[in-house]
C-alpha atoms as a PDB file:
ATOM      1  CA  MET A   1     -10.396 -31.084  -6.982  1.00  0.00           C
ATOM      2  CA  TYR A   2      -9.711 -28.534  -4.219  1.00  0.00           C
ATOM      3  CA  GLY A   3     -10.193 -28.776  -0.482  1.00  0.00           C
ATOM      4  CA  ALA A   4     -10.240 -24.982  -0.050  1.00  0.00           C
ATOM      5  CA  ALA A   5      -9.490 -21.846  -2.054  1.00  0.00           C
ATOM      6  CA  ALA A   6      -8.365 -18.310  -1.332  1.00  0.00           C
ATOM      7  CA  SER A   7      -8.218 -15.132  -3.361  1.00  0.00           C
ATOM      8  CA  PHE A   8      -6.151 -12.116  -2.364  1.00  0.00           C
ATOM      9  CA  SER A   9      -7.184  -9.090  -4.437  1.00  0.00           C
ATOM     10  CA  GLY A  10      -8.182 -11.575  -7.088  1.00  0.00           C
ATOM     11  CA  ILE A  11      -9.990 -11.254 -10.375  1.00  0.00           C
ATOM     12  CA  VAL A  12     -13.317 -12.890  -9.560  1.00  0.00           C
ATOM     13  CA  HIS A  13     -15.773 -11.264 -11.971  1.00  0.00           C
ATOM     14  CA  THR A  14     -14.348 -10.448 -15.400  1.00  0.00           C
ATOM     15  CA  ARG A  15     -17.862  -9.649 -16.636  1.00  0.00           C
ATOM     16  CA  LEU A  16     -18.871  -7.205 -13.876  1.00  0.00           C
ATOM     17  CA  SER A  17     -19.330  -4.531 -16.536  1.00  0.00           C
ATOM     18  CA  ALA A  18     -18.321  -3.835 -20.118  1.00  0.00           C
ATOM     19  CA  GLU A  19     -15.660  -1.488 -18.776  1.00  0.00           C
ATOM     20  CA  VAL A  20     -14.192  -4.229 -16.564  1.00  0.00           C
ATOM     21  CA  SER A  21     -14.109  -6.738 -19.431  1.00  0.00           C
ATOM     22  CA  GLN A  22     -12.406  -4.206 -21.698  1.00  0.00           C
ATOM     23  CA  GLY A  23      -9.950  -3.459 -18.913  1.00  0.00           C
ATOM     24  CA  TYR A  24      -8.906  -7.105 -18.844  1.00  0.00           C
ATOM     25  CA  LEU A  25      -8.386  -7.079 -22.583  1.00  0.00           C
ATOM     26  CA  GLY A  26      -6.151  -4.054 -22.028  1.00  0.00           C
ATOM     27  CA  LEU A  27      -4.274  -5.893 -19.281  1.00  0.00           C
ATOM     28  CA  VAL A  28      -3.637  -8.879 -21.574  1.00  0.00           C
ATOM     29  CA  SER A  29      -2.499  -6.524 -24.330  1.00  0.00           C
ATOM     30  CA  SER A  30      -0.169  -4.695 -21.924  1.00  0.00           C
ATOM     31  CA  GLN A  31       1.698  -7.971 -21.394  1.00  0.00           C
ATOM     32  CA  GLY A  32       2.804  -8.014 -25.026  1.00  0.00           C
ATOM     33  CA  VAL A  33      -0.011 -10.143 -26.413  1.00  0.00           C
ATOM     34  CA  ALA A  34      -0.636  -8.967 -29.960  1.00  0.00           C
ATOM     35  CA  ASP A  35      -4.268 -10.098 -30.025  1.00  0.00           C
ATOM     36  CA  PRO A  36      -5.936 -10.073 -26.592  1.00  0.00           C
ATOM     37  CA  LEU A  37      -9.097 -11.506 -28.170  1.00  0.00           C
ATOM     38  CA  ALA A  38      -7.152 -14.731 -28.748  1.00  0.00           C
ATOM     39  CA  LEU A  39      -7.562 -15.494 -25.035  1.00  0.00           C
ATOM     40  CA  TRP A  40     -11.383 -15.795 -24.690  1.00  0.00           C
ATOM     41  CA  GLY A  41     -12.638 -13.866 -27.690  1.00  0.00           C
ATOM     42  CA  ASP A  42     -14.797 -10.760 -27.589  1.00  0.00           C
ATOM     43  CA  PRO A  43     -16.585 -10.252 -24.234  1.00  0.00           C
ATOM     44  CA  ASP A  44     -19.898  -9.621 -26.007  1.00  0.00           C
ATOM     45  CA  SER A  45     -19.962 -11.972 -28.975  1.00  0.00           C
ATOM     46  CA  ASP A  46     -18.083 -14.716 -27.080  1.00  0.00           C
ATOM     47  CA  ALA A  47     -19.888 -14.255 -23.757  1.00  0.00           C
ATOM     48  CA  ALA A  48     -20.305 -18.025 -23.301  1.00  0.00           C
ATOM     49  CA  THR A  49     -16.532 -18.499 -23.376  1.00  0.00           C
ATOM     50  CA  TRP A  50     -16.003 -15.642 -20.929  1.00  0.00           C
ATOM     51  CA  LYS A  51     -18.564 -17.243 -18.593  1.00  0.00           C
ATOM     52  CA  GLN A  52     -16.653 -20.540 -18.693  1.00  0.00           C
ATOM     53  CA  HIS A  53     -13.615 -18.764 -17.189  1.00  0.00           C
ATOM     54  CA  ASN A  54     -15.318 -16.351 -14.812  1.00  0.00           C
ATOM     55  CA  PRO A  55     -15.431 -17.325 -11.118  1.00  0.00           C
ATOM     56  CA  TYR A  56     -18.689 -15.393 -10.664  1.00  0.00           C
ATOM     57  CA  ASP A  57     -20.395 -17.512 -13.298  1.00  0.00           C
ATOM     58  CA  LEU A  58     -18.897 -20.706 -11.847  1.00  0.00           C
ATOM     59  CA  ALA A  59     -19.903 -19.918  -8.261  1.00  0.00           C
ATOM     60  CA  ARG A  60     -22.345 -22.840  -7.968  1.00  0.00           C
ATOM     61  CA  GLU A  61     -19.396 -25.198  -8.334  1.00  0.00           C
ATOM     62  CA  LEU A  62     -17.839 -23.692  -5.190  1.00  0.00           C
ATOM     63  CA  LYS A  63     -20.710 -24.560  -2.840  1.00  0.00           C
ATOM     64  CA  ASP A  64     -18.785 -27.247  -0.953  1.00  0.00           C
ATOM     65  CA  ILE A  65     -15.392 -25.510  -0.990  1.00  0.00           C
ATOM     66  CA  PRO A  66     -14.275 -23.390   1.982  1.00  0.00           C
ATOM     67  CA  LEU A  67     -13.438 -19.992   0.486  1.00  0.00           C
ATOM     68  CA  PHE A  68     -11.469 -16.968   1.679  1.00  0.00           C
ATOM     69  CA  LEU A  69     -11.735 -13.701  -0.283  1.00  0.00           C
ATOM     70  CA  SER A  70     -10.003 -10.429   0.469  1.00  0.00           C
ATOM     71  CA  ALA A  71      -9.462  -7.062  -1.183  1.00  0.00           C
ATOM     72  CA  GLY A  72      -8.822  -3.455  -0.264  1.00  0.00           C
ATOM     73  CA  ASN A  73     -10.281  -0.268  -1.695  1.00  0.00           C
ATOM     74  CA  GLY A  74      -7.156   1.220  -3.308  1.00  0.00           C
ATOM     75  CA  GLN A  75      -6.639   3.973  -0.749  1.00  0.00           C
ATOM     76  CA  PRO A  76      -3.305   3.850   1.061  1.00  0.00           C
ATOM     77  CA  GLY A  77      -3.677   1.810   4.217  1.00  0.00           C
ATOM     78  CA  PRO A  78      -1.747   0.806   7.305  1.00  0.00           C
ATOM     79  CA  LEU A  79       0.759  -1.390   5.458  1.00  0.00           C
ATOM     80  CA  ASP A  80       1.584   1.100   2.704  1.00  0.00           C
ATOM     81  CA  GLN A  81       4.678   3.267   2.889  1.00  0.00           C
ATOM     82  CA  ARG A  82       4.150   6.900   3.730  1.00  0.00           C
ATOM     83  CA  GLY A  83       3.307   8.876   0.606  1.00  0.00           C
ATOM     84  CA  THR A  84       1.886   5.898  -1.313  1.00  0.00           C
ATOM     85  CA  PRO A  85      -0.692   7.247  -3.769  1.00  0.00           C
ATOM     86  CA  PRO A  86      -4.093   5.614  -4.244  1.00  0.00           C
ATOM     87  CA  ASP A  87      -4.013   2.932  -6.893  1.00  0.00           C
ATOM     88  CA  SER A  88      -6.430   2.434  -9.758  1.00  0.00           C
ATOM     89  CA  ILE A  89      -6.555  -1.373  -9.672  1.00  0.00           C
ATOM     90  CA  GLU A  90      -7.815  -2.268  -6.201  1.00  0.00           C
ATOM     91  CA  PRO A  91     -11.126  -0.333  -6.329  1.00  0.00           C
ATOM     92  CA  TRP A  92     -12.153  -2.442  -9.349  1.00  0.00           C
ATOM     93  CA  ILE A  93     -10.960  -5.617  -7.646  1.00  0.00           C
ATOM     94  CA  GLN A  94     -12.931  -4.774  -4.513  1.00  0.00           C
ATOM     95  CA  ALA A  95     -16.073  -4.086  -6.568  1.00  0.00           C
ATOM     96  CA  GLU A  96     -15.684  -7.501  -8.225  1.00  0.00           C
ATOM     97  CA  ASN A  97     -15.161  -9.181  -4.863  1.00  0.00           C
ATOM     98  CA  LYS A  98     -18.189  -7.493  -3.306  1.00  0.00           C
ATOM     99  CA  ALA A  99     -20.392  -8.605  -6.200  1.00  0.00           C
ATOM    100  CA  PHE A 100     -18.927 -12.120  -6.040  1.00  0.00           C
ATOM    101  CA  VAL A 101     -19.496 -12.401  -2.289  1.00  0.00           C
ATOM    102  CA  ARG A 102     -23.127 -11.250  -2.651  1.00  0.00           C
ATOM    103  CA  HIS A 103     -23.629 -13.809  -5.421  1.00  0.00           C
ATOM    104  CA  LEU A 104     -22.045 -16.594  -3.380  1.00  0.00           C
ATOM    105  CA  ARG A 105     -24.266 -15.789  -0.413  1.00  0.00           C
ATOM    106  CA  ASP A 106     -27.350 -15.712  -2.655  1.00  0.00           C
ATOM    107  CA  LEU A 107     -26.378 -19.250  -3.692  1.00  0.00           C
ATOM    108  CA  GLY A 108     -26.041 -20.350  -0.067  1.00  0.00           C
ATOM    109  CA  VAL A 109     -22.233 -20.356  -0.098  1.00  0.00           C
ATOM    110  CA  LYS A 110     -20.705 -18.844   3.035  1.00  0.00           C
ATOM    111  CA  PRO A 111     -17.244 -17.505   2.188  1.00  0.00           C
ATOM    112  CA  THR A 112     -14.883 -16.081   4.756  1.00  0.00           C
ATOM    113  CA  THR A 113     -14.182 -12.523   3.663  1.00  0.00           C
ATOM    114  CA  ASP A 114     -11.911  -9.648   4.542  1.00  0.00           C
ATOM    115  CA  LEU A 115     -12.886  -6.663   2.411  1.00  0.00           C
ATOM    116  CA  TYR A 116     -10.652  -4.589   4.607  1.00  0.00           C
ATOM    117  CA  GLY A 117     -11.117  -1.047   3.338  1.00  0.00           C
ATOM    118  CA  ASN A 118      -7.941   0.977   2.988  1.00  0.00           C
ATOM    119  CA  GLY A 119      -5.191  -0.949   1.248  1.00  0.00           C
ATOM    120  CA  THR A 120      -3.569  -0.956  -2.162  1.00  0.00           C
ATOM    121  CA  HIS A 121      -2.900  -3.697  -4.721  1.00  0.00           C
ATOM    122  CA  ASN A 122       0.306  -4.715  -2.996  1.00  0.00           C
ATOM    123  CA  TRP A 123       2.134  -7.810  -1.734  1.00  0.00           C
ATOM    124  CA  VAL A 124       2.183  -6.595   1.865  1.00  0.00           C
ATOM    125  CA  TYR A 125      -1.603  -6.955   2.032  1.00  0.00           C
ATOM    126  CA  TRP A 126      -1.619 -10.335   0.284  1.00  0.00           C
ATOM    127  CA  GLN A 127       0.955 -11.660   2.740  1.00  0.00           C
ATOM    128  CA  ARG A 128      -1.148 -10.473   5.677  1.00  0.00           C
ATOM    129  CA  GLU A 129      -4.253 -12.023   4.139  1.00  0.00           C
ATOM    130  CA  LEU A 130      -2.464 -15.334   3.541  1.00  0.00           C
ATOM    131  CA  HIS A 131      -1.791 -15.493   7.278  1.00  0.00           C
ATOM    132  CA  ARG A 132      -5.477 -14.805   7.930  1.00  0.00           C
ATOM    133  CA  ALA A 133      -6.563 -17.455   5.404  1.00  0.00           C
ATOM    134  CA  TRP A 134      -4.037 -20.076   6.502  1.00  0.00           C
ATOM    135  CA  PRO A 135      -6.218 -21.789   9.134  1.00  0.00           C
ATOM    136  CA  LEU A 136      -9.057 -22.213   6.621  1.00  0.00           C
ATOM    137  CA  LEU A 137      -6.682 -23.481   3.933  1.00  0.00           C
ATOM    138  CA  THR A 138      -4.891 -25.961   6.169  1.00  0.00           C
ATOM    139  CA  SER A 139      -8.045 -27.209   7.906  1.00  0.00           C
ATOM    140  CA  THR A 140      -8.884 -29.248   4.824  1.00  0.00           C
ATOM    141  CA  LEU A 141      -5.508 -30.992   4.588  1.00  0.00           C
ATOM    142  CA  ARG A 142      -5.551 -34.650   5.506  1.00  0.00           C
ATOM    143  CA  PRO A 143      -2.493 -36.817   6.073  1.00  0.00           C
ATOM    144  CA  SER A 144      -2.201 -39.611   3.528  1.00  0.00           C
END
């Protein structure tokens, strides 16, 4: 279906740990959803459903897709405004991305990665990373 894919500080392993899964239930709830379990059910008792929606568990299906993955570590970086505090989201996202990249490589998939260290969960980093990913993304486009 896709010629290439990119993820900029993306959720790539919702089952990294029980704490991560619960965090995503909290995120869904924070968006006004009365019953976050209505999305995929309970992470433990409905693990099969969670696996069906988790990029980490679907990694084998990505073997022929050029991939670009990037994430920071949550510490203020070069694109953050002076005085920006560390954020609590990006460290989890980077941990997911590191685990996902290791898993992909174990499967023989060779993603392009930029786990760039200092940087927060912020549009300025995603814009920069889109520019870095653009050649990979456009290399698969074919005129009709």
